[in-house]
Amino acid sequence: MEKHSKIYVAGHRGMVGSAIVRELQRQGYDNIITRTHAELDLTRQAEVEEFFAAERPEYVFLAAAKVGGIVANNSAPADFMYQNMVMEMNVIHAAWQNGCRKLEFLGSSCIYPKLAPQPMPESCLLTSALEPTNEAYALAKISGLKYCEYLRRQYGADYISVMPTNLYGPNDNYHPEHSHVLPALIRRFHEAKVAGAESVTCWGDGSPLREFLYVDDLANLCVFLMNNYSGAETVNAGTGKEITIKGLTELVARVIGYNGRIEWDTTRPNGTPRKLLDISKATALGWTARTELEDGIRLAYEDFLNNPVRAER
């Protein structure tokens, strides 16, 4: 990309999209196009086609998505599948129709099978069944990356995809029921600290292992891949490091300054024992994550404290 190239970031108000805009600005790109949902509804094909015909962006980062944690995914699978699939198809197709030079599609590590080998390589996609609780979201994301792959195969479109692990950071969703594990813990321990609660109860026994990537590191990789990668296969985005949920809760409590007891409700499910991405492809391309987990949690907590309206979502 040239510094003056016309770049459209779809989903610029979300955690990932806003991080991509910050990273582009940090690197000196000065022709970034954005639209709010009120200005452009990506689920409306006619609106998307009109936008692309009028603006004709040269590069597109497709970070717009309907996202949520396990409860949200499991309770509204039809909504997650429809909204994500329609948004993706509208944007990717309109970009291709209007001569977009390169598009980057953002997915999720949940595209990989429930019983995938650990760490999970890009090549394990579609080798066995998905995790049932977020199958609808995963199928939508698989469809998006496959459409990019098929446009490449049939028409030579330079469209790529990146699949991040668990993300966290500025502009996250801290809803008590619809957020992911790390922002949920930040909110829970903050509220326990403010209330002076003697204990906080967490689900399971704390043994599952998880990997977490600070969203600004993902944004750095996204811009890096747009400039340095043109392969058909997706690229995993992660740190290559994992931590138990127990270790994570203790780390969040320490960063927030909560000194009460952490108790475990072992009648609740643990979830998948391990979910680690194989990041050897990104590493071989010359990219590595920069932000250590404790530093990232501290930055995320500062964002939580500085944005009370967001914290209430």
C-alpha atoms as a PDB file:
ATOM      1  CA  MET A   1       0.000   0.000   0.000  1.00  0.00           C
ATOM      2  CA  GLU A   2       1.137   3.542  -0.725  1.00  0.00           C
ATOM      3  CA  LYS A   3       0.742   6.124   2.046  1.00  0.00           C
ATOM      4  CA  HIS A   4      -1.959   7.899  -0.009  1.00  0.00           C
ATOM      5  CA  SER A   5      -3.766   4.725  -1.149  1.00  0.00           C
ATOM      6  CA  LYS A   6      -7.521   4.739  -0.556  1.00  0.00           C
ATOM      7  CA  ILE A   7      -8.108   2.257   2.285  1.00  0.00           C
ATOM      8  CA  TYR A   8     -11.521   1.195   3.574  1.00  0.00           C
ATOM      9  CA  VAL A   9     -11.714  -0.269   7.098  1.00  0.00           C
ATOM     10  CA  ALA A  10     -15.062  -2.017   7.554  1.00  0.00           C
ATOM     11  CA  GLY A  11     -16.053  -2.167  11.211  1.00  0.00           C
ATOM     12  CA  HIS A  12     -13.892   0.764  12.357  1.00  0.00           C
ATOM     13  CA  ARG A  13     -15.845   1.257  15.594  1.00  0.00           C
ATOM     14  CA  GLY A  14     -15.230  -2.277  16.825  1.00  0.00           C
ATOM     15  CA  MET A  15     -12.225  -3.457  18.795  1.00  0.00           C
ATOM     16  CA  VAL A  16     -10.351  -4.868  15.778  1.00  0.00           C
ATOM     17  CA  GLY A  17     -11.360  -2.236  13.230  1.00  0.00           C
ATOM     18  CA  SER A  18     -10.476   0.683  15.518  1.00  0.00           C
ATOM     19  CA  ALA A  19      -7.078  -0.904  16.199  1.00  0.00           C
ATOM     20  CA  ILE A  20      -6.436  -1.235  12.447  1.00  0.00           C
ATOM     21  CA  VAL A  21      -7.300   2.449  11.950  1.00  0.00           C
ATOM     22  CA  ARG A  22      -4.891   3.397  14.775  1.00  0.00           C
ATOM     23  CA  GLU A  23      -2.133   1.289  13.245  1.00  0.00           C
ATOM     24  CA  LEU A  24      -2.643   2.693   9.746  1.00  0.00           C
ATOM     25  CA  GLN A  25      -2.514   6.235  11.120  1.00  0.00           C
ATOM     26  CA  ARG A  26       0.576   5.397  13.176  1.00  0.00           C
ATOM     27  CA  GLN A  27       2.319   4.205  10.006  1.00  0.00           C
ATOM     28  CA  GLY A  28       1.379   7.354   8.092  1.00  0.00           C
ATOM     29  CA  TYR A  29      -1.503   6.203   5.882  1.00  0.00           C
ATOM     30  CA  ASP A  30      -3.663   9.266   5.325  1.00  0.00           C
ATOM     31  CA  ASN A  31      -6.550   8.249   3.048  1.00  0.00           C
ATOM     32  CA  ILE A  32      -8.619   5.996   5.304  1.00  0.00           C
ATOM     33  CA  ILE A  33     -12.340   5.628   4.577  1.00  0.00           C
ATOM     34  CA  THR A  34     -14.824   4.630   7.282  1.00  0.00           C
ATOM     35  CA  ARG A  35     -18.603   4.459   7.585  1.00  0.00           C
ATOM     36  CA  THR A  36     -20.754   4.012  10.675  1.00  0.00           C
ATOM     37  CA  HIS A  37     -23.557   1.453  10.671  1.00  0.00           C
ATOM     38  CA  ALA A  38     -26.060   4.334  10.387  1.00  0.00           C
ATOM     39  CA  GLU A  39     -24.260   5.563   7.268  1.00  0.00           C
ATOM     40  CA  LEU A  40     -23.784   2.133   5.673  1.00  0.00           C
ATOM     41  CA  ASP A  41     -25.575  -1.079   6.652  1.00  0.00           C
ATOM     42  CA  LEU A  42     -23.280  -3.859   5.428  1.00  0.00           C
ATOM     43  CA  THR A  43     -26.127  -6.380   5.494  1.00  0.00           C
ATOM     44  CA  ARG A  44     -27.882  -4.386   2.720  1.00  0.00           C
ATOM     45  CA  GLN A  45     -26.450  -5.450  -0.630  1.00  0.00           C
ATOM     46  CA  ALA A  46     -27.670  -2.414  -2.558  1.00  0.00           C
ATOM     47  CA  GLU A  47     -26.128   0.006  -0.031  1.00  0.00           C
ATOM     48  CA  VAL A  48     -22.787  -1.831  -0.136  1.00  0.00           C
ATOM     49  CA  GLU A  49     -22.730  -1.905  -3.933  1.00  0.00           C
ATOM     50  CA  GLU A  50     -23.501   1.830  -4.114  1.00  0.00           C
ATOM     51  CA  PHE A  51     -20.758   2.613  -1.602  1.00  0.00           C
ATOM     52  CA  PHE A  52     -18.085   0.632  -3.465  1.00  0.00           C
ATOM     53  CA  ALA A  53     -19.140   2.007  -6.858  1.00  0.00           C
ATOM     54  CA  ALA A  54     -18.864   5.566  -5.528  1.00  0.00           C
ATOM     55  CA  GLU A  55     -15.703   5.253  -3.394  1.00  0.00           C
ATOM     56  CA  ARG A  56     -13.780   2.463  -5.194  1.00  0.00           C
ATOM     57  CA  PRO A  57     -11.282   1.788  -2.371  1.00  0.00           C
ATOM     58  CA  GLU A  58      -7.992   0.230  -3.451  1.00  0.00           C
ATOM     59  CA  TYR A  59      -7.533  -1.775  -0.240  1.00  0.00           C
ATOM     60  CA  VAL A  60     -10.103  -3.197   2.188  1.00  0.00           C
ATOM     61  CA  PHE A  61      -9.725  -4.499   5.742  1.00  0.00           C
ATOM     62  CA  LEU A  62     -12.898  -6.459   6.488  1.00  0.00           C
ATOM     63  CA  ALA A  63     -13.127  -6.348  10.299  1.00  0.00           C
ATOM     64  CA  ALA A  64     -16.898  -5.835  10.574  1.00  0.00           C
ATOM     65  CA  ALA A  65     -18.654  -8.706  12.337  1.00  0.00           C
ATOM     66  CA  LYS A  66     -21.339  -9.633  14.820  1.00  0.00           C
ATOM     67  CA  VAL A  67     -19.314 -11.034  17.706  1.00  0.00           C
ATOM     68  CA  GLY A  68     -19.936 -12.371  21.203  1.00  0.00           C
ATOM     69  CA  GLY A  69     -18.910 -14.916  23.793  1.00  0.00           C
ATOM     70  CA  ILE A  70     -20.091 -18.491  24.251  1.00  0.00           C
ATOM     71  CA  VAL A  71     -23.488 -17.515  25.742  1.00  0.00           C
ATOM     72  CA  ALA A  72     -24.302 -15.099  22.907  1.00  0.00           C
ATOM     73  CA  ASN A  73     -23.175 -17.541  20.201  1.00  0.00           C
ATOM     74  CA  ASN A  74     -25.062 -20.450  21.692  1.00  0.00           C
ATOM     75  CA  SER A  75     -28.307 -18.545  22.245  1.00  0.00           C
ATOM     76  CA  ALA A  76     -28.545 -16.780  18.859  1.00  0.00           C
ATOM     77  CA  PRO A  77     -26.866 -19.011  16.228  1.00  0.00           C
ATOM     78  CA  ALA A  78     -29.217 -17.971  13.415  1.00  0.00           C
ATOM     79  CA  ASP A  79     -28.438 -14.277  13.978  1.00  0.00           C
ATOM     80  CA  PHE A  80     -24.685 -14.881  14.110  1.00  0.00           C
ATOM     81  CA  MET A  81     -24.695 -16.964  10.945  1.00  0.00           C
ATOM     82  CA  TYR A  82     -26.972 -14.716   8.872  1.00  0.00           C
ATOM     83  CA  GLN A  83     -25.523 -11.323   9.797  1.00  0.00           C
ATOM     84  CA  ASN A  84     -21.894 -12.362   9.450  1.00  0.00           C
ATOM     85  CA  MET A  85     -22.351 -14.274   6.221  1.00  0.00           C
ATOM     86  CA  VAL A  86     -24.376 -11.525   4.550  1.00  0.00           C
ATOM     87  CA  MET A  87     -21.917  -8.782   5.602  1.00  0.00           C
ATOM     88  CA  GLU A  88     -18.920 -10.761   4.354  1.00  0.00           C
ATOM     89  CA  MET A  89     -20.412 -11.720   1.017  1.00  0.00           C
ATOM     90  CA  ASN A  90     -21.677  -8.204   0.318  1.00  0.00           C
ATOM     91  CA  VAL A  91     -18.341  -6.531   1.065  1.00  0.00           C
ATOM     92  CA  ILE A  92     -16.060  -9.094  -0.592  1.00  0.00           C
ATOM     93  CA  HIS A  93     -18.186  -9.328  -3.735  1.00  0.00           C
ATOM     94  CA  ALA A  94     -18.626  -5.558  -4.101  1.00  0.00           C
ATOM     95  CA  ALA A  95     -14.893  -5.023  -3.554  1.00  0.00           C
ATOM     96  CA  TRP A  96     -14.094  -7.515  -6.304  1.00  0.00           C
ATOM     97  CA  GLN A  97     -16.704  -6.048  -8.671  1.00  0.00           C
ATOM     98  CA  ASN A  98     -15.244  -2.556  -8.246  1.00  0.00           C
ATOM     99  CA  GLY A  99     -11.581  -3.366  -8.806  1.00  0.00           C
ATOM    100  CA  CYS A 100     -10.304  -3.475  -5.215  1.00  0.00           C
ATOM    101  CA  ARG A 101      -6.589  -4.309  -5.504  1.00  0.00           C
ATOM    102  CA  LYS A 102      -6.394  -6.278  -2.267  1.00  0.00           C
ATOM    103  CA  LEU A 103      -8.763  -7.309   0.525  1.00  0.00           C
ATOM    104  CA  GLU A 104      -7.959  -8.782   3.914  1.00  0.00           C
ATOM    105  CA  PHE A 105     -10.629 -10.816   5.685  1.00  0.00           C
ATOM    106  CA  LEU A 106     -10.598 -11.120   9.484  1.00  0.00           C
ATOM    107  CA  GLY A 107     -11.827 -14.403  10.910  1.00  0.00           C
ATOM    108  CA  SER A 108     -11.479 -16.268  14.189  1.00  0.00           C
ATOM    109  CA  SER A 109      -9.647 -19.306  15.513  1.00  0.00           C
ATOM    110  CA  CYS A 110     -13.039 -20.959  16.155  1.00  0.00           C
ATOM    111  CA  ILE A 111     -13.006 -21.942  12.459  1.00  0.00           C
ATOM    112  CA  TYR A 112     -10.781 -24.875  13.414  1.00  0.00           C
ATOM    113  CA  PRO A 113     -12.179 -28.265  14.501  1.00  0.00           C
ATOM    114  CA  LYS A 114     -13.106 -28.870  18.129  1.00  0.00           C
ATOM    115  CA  LEU A 115     -10.562 -31.679  18.318  1.00  0.00           C
ATOM    116  CA  ALA A 116      -7.871 -30.037  16.183  1.00  0.00           C
ATOM    117  CA  PRO A 117      -4.217 -30.925  16.790  1.00  0.00           C
ATOM    118  CA  GLN A 118      -2.454 -28.587  19.238  1.00  0.00           C
ATOM    119  CA  PRO A 119      -1.033 -26.125  18.318  1.00  0.00           C
ATOM    120  CA  MET A 120      -3.576 -25.701  15.507  1.00  0.00           C
ATOM    121  CA  PRO A 121      -2.010 -25.270  12.028  1.00  0.00           C
ATOM    122  CA  GLU A 122      -3.828 -23.497   9.221  1.00  0.00           C
ATOM    123  CA  SER A 123      -3.971 -26.809   7.350  1.00  0.00           C
ATOM    124  CA  CYS A 124      -6.349 -28.421   9.877  1.00  0.00           C
ATOM    125  CA  LEU A 125      -9.296 -26.353   8.593  1.00  0.00           C
ATOM    126  CA  LEU A 126     -12.333 -28.538   7.714  1.00  0.00           C
ATOM    127  CA  THR A 127     -10.651 -31.773   8.793  1.00  0.00           C
ATOM    128  CA  SER A 128     -13.291 -32.637  11.440  1.00  0.00           C
ATOM    129  CA  ALA A 129     -16.338 -31.304  13.326  1.00  0.00           C
ATOM    130  CA  LEU A 130     -16.544 -27.805  14.813  1.00  0.00           C
ATOM    131  CA  GLU A 131     -17.262 -26.829  18.425  1.00  0.00           C
ATOM    132  CA  PRO A 132     -21.108 -26.922  18.562  1.00  0.00           C
ATOM    133  CA  THR A 133     -21.551 -23.818  20.745  1.00  0.00           C
ATOM    134  CA  ASN A 134     -20.081 -21.441  18.131  1.00  0.00           C
ATOM    135  CA  GLU A 135     -20.590 -23.521  14.992  1.00  0.00           C
ATOM    136  CA  ALA A 136     -22.832 -20.911  13.317  1.00  0.00           C
ATOM    137  CA  TYR A 137     -20.254 -18.129  13.700  1.00  0.00           C
ATOM    138  CA  ALA A 138     -17.457 -20.457  12.587  1.00  0.00           C
ATOM    139  CA  LEU A 139     -19.353 -21.522   9.464  1.00  0.00           C
ATOM    140  CA  ALA A 140     -19.902 -17.884   8.506  1.00  0.00           C
ATOM    141  CA  LYS A 141     -16.205 -17.109   8.937  1.00  0.00           C
ATOM    142  CA  ILE A 142     -15.187 -20.220   6.987  1.00  0.00           C
ATOM    143  CA  SER A 143     -17.484 -19.109   4.160  1.00  0.00           C
ATOM    144  CA  GLY A 144     -15.824 -15.674   4.081  1.00  0.00           C
ATOM    145  CA  LEU A 145     -12.291 -16.998   3.890  1.00  0.00           C
ATOM    146  CA  LYS A 146     -13.299 -19.616   1.329  1.00  0.00           C
ATOM    147  CA  TYR A 147     -14.968 -16.989  -0.867  1.00  0.00           C
ATOM    148  CA  CYS A 148     -11.690 -15.039  -0.833  1.00  0.00           C
ATOM    149  CA  GLU A 149      -9.860 -18.244  -1.743  1.00  0.00           C
ATOM    150  CA  TYR A 150     -12.275 -19.024  -4.590  1.00  0.00           C
ATOM    151  CA  LEU A 151     -12.054 -15.490  -6.037  1.00  0.00           C
ATOM    152  CA  ARG A 152      -8.279 -15.956  -6.055  1.00  0.00           C
ATOM    153  CA  ARG A 153      -8.558 -19.343  -7.761  1.00  0.00           C
ATOM    154  CA  GLN A 154     -11.164 -18.338 -10.357  1.00  0.00           C
ATOM    155  CA  TYR A 155     -10.264 -14.708 -11.056  1.00  0.00           C
ATOM    156  CA  GLY A 156      -6.791 -14.128  -9.620  1.00  0.00           C
ATOM    157  CA  ALA A 157      -8.037 -11.732  -6.901  1.00  0.00           C
ATOM    158  CA  ASP A 158      -5.332 -10.956  -4.329  1.00  0.00           C
ATOM    159  CA  TYR A 159      -7.629 -11.514  -1.357  1.00  0.00           C
ATOM    160  CA  ILE A 160      -6.153 -12.888   1.876  1.00  0.00           C
ATOM    161  CA  SER A 161      -7.392 -13.863   5.336  1.00  0.00           C
ATOM    162  CA  VAL A 162      -6.061 -13.838   8.891  1.00  0.00           C
ATOM    163  CA  MET A 163      -7.368 -15.884  11.827  1.00  0.00           C
ATOM    164  CA  PRO A 164      -6.684 -14.399  15.278  1.00  0.00           C
ATOM    165  CA  THR A 165      -6.741 -16.162  18.625  1.00  0.00           C
ATOM    166  CA  ASN A 166      -8.606 -14.696  21.653  1.00  0.00           C
ATOM    167  CA  LEU A 167      -8.344 -10.905  21.427  1.00  0.00           C
ATOM    168  CA  TYR A 168      -8.523  -8.194  24.069  1.00  0.00           C
ATOM    169  CA  GLY A 169      -7.661  -4.518  24.437  1.00  0.00           C
ATOM    170  CA  PRO A 170      -9.072  -1.022  23.861  1.00  0.00           C
ATOM    171  CA  ASN A 171     -12.697  -0.809  22.686  1.00  0.00           C
ATOM    172  CA  ASP A 172     -13.535  -4.317  23.916  1.00  0.00           C
ATOM    173  CA  ASN A 173     -17.022  -5.454  24.952  1.00  0.00           C
ATOM    174  CA  TYR A 174     -17.417  -5.804  28.729  1.00  0.00           C
ATOM    175  CA  HIS A 175     -21.036  -6.958  28.817  1.00  0.00           C
ATOM    176  CA  PRO A 176     -21.575  -9.327  31.793  1.00  0.00           C
ATOM    177  CA  GLU A 177     -23.192 -12.017  29.630  1.00  0.00           C
ATOM    178  CA  HIS A 178     -22.085 -11.390  26.034  1.00  0.00           C
ATOM    179  CA  SER A 179     -18.358 -10.699  26.404  1.00  0.00           C
ATOM    180  CA  HIS A 180     -15.348 -12.994  26.082  1.00  0.00           C
ATOM    181  CA  VAL A 181     -13.456 -14.400  29.053  1.00  0.00           C
ATOM    182  CA  LEU A 182     -10.764 -11.747  29.574  1.00  0.00           C
ATOM    183  CA  PRO A 183     -12.981  -8.609  29.431  1.00  0.00           C
ATOM    184  CA  ALA A 184     -15.567 -10.469  31.527  1.00  0.00           C
ATOM    185  CA  LEU A 185     -12.904 -11.094  34.199  1.00  0.00           C
ATOM    186  CA  ILE A 186     -11.778  -7.448  34.096  1.00  0.00           C
ATOM    187  CA  ARG A 187     -15.328  -6.294  34.774  1.00  0.00           C
ATOM    188  CA  ARG A 188     -16.009  -8.946  37.419  1.00  0.00           C
ATOM    189  CA  PHE A 189     -12.861  -8.252  39.446  1.00  0.00           C
ATOM    190  CA  HIS A 190     -13.273  -4.486  39.116  1.00  0.00           C
ATOM    191  CA  GLU A 191     -16.837  -4.677  40.442  1.00  0.00           C
ATOM    192  CA  ALA A 192     -15.733  -7.015  43.251  1.00  0.00           C
ATOM    193  CA  LYS A 193     -12.968  -4.580  44.202  1.00  0.00           C
ATOM    194  CA  VAL A 194     -15.350  -1.598  44.229  1.00  0.00           C
ATOM    195  CA  ALA A 195     -17.945  -3.535  46.260  1.00  0.00           C
ATOM    196  CA  GLY A 196     -15.358  -4.910  48.686  1.00  0.00           C
ATOM    197  CA  ALA A 197     -16.503  -8.470  47.935  1.00  0.00           C
ATOM    198  CA  GLU A 198     -14.741 -11.174  49.936  1.00  0.00           C
ATOM    199  CA  SER A 199     -14.679 -13.629  47.028  1.00  0.00           C
ATOM    200  CA  VAL A 200     -15.235 -14.033  43.286  1.00  0.00           C
ATOM    201  CA  THR A 201     -16.536 -17.306  41.846  1.00  0.00           C
ATOM    202  CA  CYS A 202     -15.345 -18.470  38.418  1.00  0.00           C
ATOM    203  CA  TRP A 203     -16.595 -21.335  36.271  1.00  0.00           C
ATOM    204  CA  GLY A 204     -14.908 -24.747  36.089  1.00  0.00           C
ATOM    205  CA  ASP A 205     -11.663 -25.670  37.795  1.00  0.00           C
ATOM    206  CA  GLY A 206      -9.353 -23.193  36.031  1.00  0.00           C
ATOM    207  CA  SER A 207      -7.367 -25.859  34.192  1.00  0.00           C
ATOM    208  CA  PRO A 208      -8.087 -25.053  30.499  1.00  0.00           C
ATOM    209  CA  LEU A 209      -5.258 -23.394  28.584  1.00  0.00           C
ATOM    210  CA  ARG A 210      -5.888 -20.320  26.461  1.00  0.00           C
ATOM    211  CA  GLU A 211      -3.885 -17.931  24.273  1.00  0.00           C
ATOM    212  CA  PHE A 212      -4.482 -14.159  24.223  1.00  0.00           C
ATOM    213  CA  LEU A 213      -3.385 -11.541  21.688  1.00  0.00           C
ATOM    214  CA  TYR A 214      -3.468  -7.787  22.349  1.00  0.00           C
ATOM    215  CA  VAL A 215      -5.584  -6.200  19.614  1.00  0.00           C
ATOM    216  CA  ASP A 216      -2.995  -3.579  18.628  1.00  0.00           C
ATOM    217  CA  ASP A 217      -0.556  -6.424  17.918  1.00  0.00           C
ATOM    218  CA  LEU A 218      -3.167  -8.005  15.644  1.00  0.00           C
ATOM    219  CA  ALA A 219      -3.600  -4.667  13.843  1.00  0.00           C
ATOM    220  CA  ASN A 220       0.149  -4.485  13.300  1.00  0.00           C
ATOM    221  CA  LEU A 221       0.062  -7.975  11.759  1.00  0.00           C
ATOM    222  CA  CYS A 222      -2.927  -7.050   9.563  1.00  0.00           C
ATOM    223  CA  VAL A 223      -1.071  -4.119   7.999  1.00  0.00           C
ATOM    224  CA  PHE A 224       2.086  -6.236   7.725  1.00  0.00           C
ATOM    225  CA  LEU A 225       0.206  -8.998   5.864  1.00  0.00           C
ATOM    226  CA  MET A 226      -1.503  -6.535   3.539  1.00  0.00           C
ATOM    227  CA  ASN A 227       1.955  -5.386   2.477  1.00  0.00           C
ATOM    228  CA  ASN A 228       3.845  -8.681   2.609  1.00  0.00           C
ATOM    229  CA  TYR A 229       1.563 -11.696   2.051  1.00  0.00           C
ATOM    230  CA  SER A 230      -0.368 -12.954  -0.970  1.00  0.00           C
ATOM    231  CA  GLY A 231      -1.133 -16.606  -0.264  1.00  0.00           C
ATOM    232  CA  ALA A 232      -4.361 -18.568  -0.673  1.00  0.00           C
ATOM    233  CA  GLU A 233      -4.154 -20.126   2.800  1.00  0.00           C
ATOM    234  CA  THR A 234      -5.150 -18.126   5.863  1.00  0.00           C
ATOM    235  CA  VAL A 235      -2.552 -16.918   8.392  1.00  0.00           C
ATOM    236  CA  ASN A 236      -2.913 -17.581  12.115  1.00  0.00           C
ATOM    237  CA  ALA A 237      -2.469 -14.619  14.458  1.00  0.00           C
ATOM    238  CA  GLY A 238      -1.373 -15.347  18.010  1.00  0.00           C
ATOM    239  CA  THR A 239       1.460 -15.197  20.514  1.00  0.00           C
ATOM    240  CA  GLY A 240       2.431 -18.855  20.696  1.00  0.00           C
ATOM    241  CA  LYS A 241       2.058 -18.578  24.503  1.00  0.00           C
ATOM    242  CA  GLU A 242      -0.718 -19.981  26.648  1.00  0.00           C
ATOM    243  CA  ILE A 243      -1.923 -19.603  30.220  1.00  0.00           C
ATOM    244  CA  THR A 244      -4.396 -21.550  32.348  1.00  0.00           C
ATOM    245  CA  ILE A 245      -7.709 -19.868  33.125  1.00  0.00           C
ATOM    246  CA  LYS A 246      -6.671 -20.069  36.782  1.00  0.00           C
ATOM    247  CA  GLY A 247      -3.428 -18.243  36.011  1.00  0.00           C
ATOM    248  CA  LEU A 248      -5.356 -15.683  33.970  1.00  0.00           C
ATOM    249  CA  THR A 249      -7.839 -14.940  36.764  1.00  0.00           C
ATOM    250  CA  GLU A 250      -4.990 -14.476  39.252  1.00  0.00           C
ATOM    251  CA  LEU A 251      -3.189 -12.168  36.824  1.00  0.00           C
ATOM    252  CA  VAL A 252      -6.315 -10.049  36.198  1.00  0.00           C
ATOM    253  CA  ALA A 253      -7.010  -9.833  39.938  1.00  0.00           C
ATOM    254  CA  ARG A 254      -3.442  -8.671  40.576  1.00  0.00           C
ATOM    255  CA  VAL A 255      -3.523  -6.014  37.835  1.00  0.00           C
ATOM    256  CA  ILE A 256      -6.863  -4.680  39.089  1.00  0.00           C
ATOM    257  CA  GLY A 257      -5.825  -4.812  42.732  1.00  0.00           C
ATOM    258  CA  TYR A 258      -8.471  -7.248  43.967  1.00  0.00           C
ATOM    259  CA  ASN A 259      -7.242  -9.060  47.075  1.00  0.00           C
ATOM    260  CA  GLY A 260     -10.206 -11.300  47.915  1.00  0.00           C
ATOM    261  CA  ARG A 261     -10.548 -15.054  47.412  1.00  0.00           C
ATOM    262  CA  ILE A 262     -10.984 -16.678  44.012  1.00  0.00           C
ATOM    263  CA  GLU A 263     -13.313 -19.681  44.220  1.00  0.00           C
ATOM    264  CA  TRP A 264     -14.147 -22.230  41.534  1.00  0.00           C
ATOM    265  CA  ASP A 265     -17.560 -23.670  40.718  1.00  0.00           C
ATOM    266  CA  THR A 266     -16.606 -27.106  39.429  1.00  0.00           C
ATOM    267  CA  THR A 267     -20.230 -27.907  38.577  1.00  0.00           C
ATOM    268  CA  ARG A 268     -19.785 -25.514  35.651  1.00  0.00           C
ATOM    269  CA  PRO A 269     -18.128 -26.701  32.403  1.00  0.00           C
ATOM    270  CA  ASN A 270     -14.463 -26.066  31.641  1.00  0.00           C
ATOM    271  CA  GLY A 271     -14.858 -25.904  27.881  1.00  0.00           C
ATOM    272  CA  THR A 272     -12.164 -27.085  25.472  1.00  0.00           C
ATOM    273  CA  PRO A 273      -9.014 -28.114  27.405  1.00  0.00           C
ATOM    274  CA  ARG A 274      -6.610 -26.329  25.062  1.00  0.00           C
ATOM    275  CA  LYS A 275      -6.793 -23.873  22.119  1.00  0.00           C
ATOM    276  CA  LEU A 276      -3.387 -22.785  20.878  1.00  0.00           C
ATOM    277  CA  LEU A 277      -2.635 -21.565  17.359  1.00  0.00           C
ATOM    278  CA  ASP A 278       0.400 -22.660  15.391  1.00  0.00           C
ATOM    279  CA  ILE A 279       1.923 -19.280  14.480  1.00  0.00           C
ATOM    280  CA  SER A 280       4.958 -20.602  12.609  1.00  0.00           C
ATOM    281  CA  LYS A 281       3.703 -19.138   9.298  1.00  0.00           C
ATOM    282  CA  ALA A 282       3.474 -15.574  10.667  1.00  0.00           C
ATOM    283  CA  THR A 283       6.831 -16.020  12.382  1.00  0.00           C
ATOM    284  CA  ALA A 284       8.440 -17.238   9.151  1.00  0.00           C
ATOM    285  CA  LEU A 285       7.088 -14.141   7.382  1.00  0.00           C
ATOM    286  CA  GLY A 286       8.976 -12.031   9.933  1.00  0.00           C
ATOM    287  CA  TRP A 287       6.255 -10.984  12.395  1.00  0.00           C
ATOM    288  CA  THR A 288       6.033 -11.445  16.187  1.00  0.00           C
ATOM    289  CA  ALA A 289       3.613 -10.130  18.814  1.00  0.00           C
ATOM    290  CA  ARG A 290       5.093  -7.403  21.033  1.00  0.00           C
ATOM    291  CA  THR A 291       2.763  -6.992  24.012  1.00  0.00           C
ATOM    292  CA  GLU A 292       3.169  -9.223  27.069  1.00  0.00           C
ATOM    293  CA  LEU A 293      -0.109 -10.380  28.632  1.00  0.00           C
ATOM    294  CA  GLU A 294       0.233  -8.498  31.921  1.00  0.00           C
ATOM    295  CA  ASP A 295       1.076  -5.242  30.120  1.00  0.00           C
ATOM    296  CA  GLY A 296      -1.864  -5.734  27.768  1.00  0.00           C
ATOM    297  CA  ILE A 297      -4.300  -6.410  30.622  1.00  0.00           C
ATOM    298  CA  ARG A 298      -3.132  -3.216  32.325  1.00  0.00           C
ATOM    299  CA  LEU A 299      -3.780  -1.232  29.125  1.00  0.00           C
ATOM    300  CA  ALA A 300      -7.189  -2.878  28.697  1.00  0.00           C
ATOM    301  CA  TYR A 301      -8.134  -2.059  32.301  1.00  0.00           C
ATOM    302  CA  GLU A 302      -7.168   1.572  31.759  1.00  0.00           C
ATOM    303  CA  ASP A 303      -9.446   1.625  28.715  1.00  0.00           C
ATOM    304  CA  PHE A 304     -12.261   0.081  30.785  1.00  0.00           C
ATOM    305  CA  LEU A 305     -11.872   2.752  33.484  1.00  0.00           C
ATOM    306  CA  ASN A 306     -11.652   5.614  30.978  1.00  0.00           C
ATOM    307  CA  ASN A 307     -14.762   4.584  29.024  1.00  0.00           C
ATOM    308  CA  PRO A 308     -17.651   4.104  31.479  1.00  0.00           C
ATOM    309  CA  VAL A 309     -20.271   4.006  28.723  1.00  0.00           C
ATOM    310  CA  ARG A 310     -18.445   1.131  27.004  1.00  0.00           C
ATOM    311  CA  ALA A 311     -18.052  -0.660  30.324  1.00  0.00           C
ATOM    312  CA  GLU A 312     -21.825  -0.680  30.687  1.00  0.00           C
ATOM    313  CA  ARG A 313     -22.434  -2.499  27.381  1.00  0.00           C
END
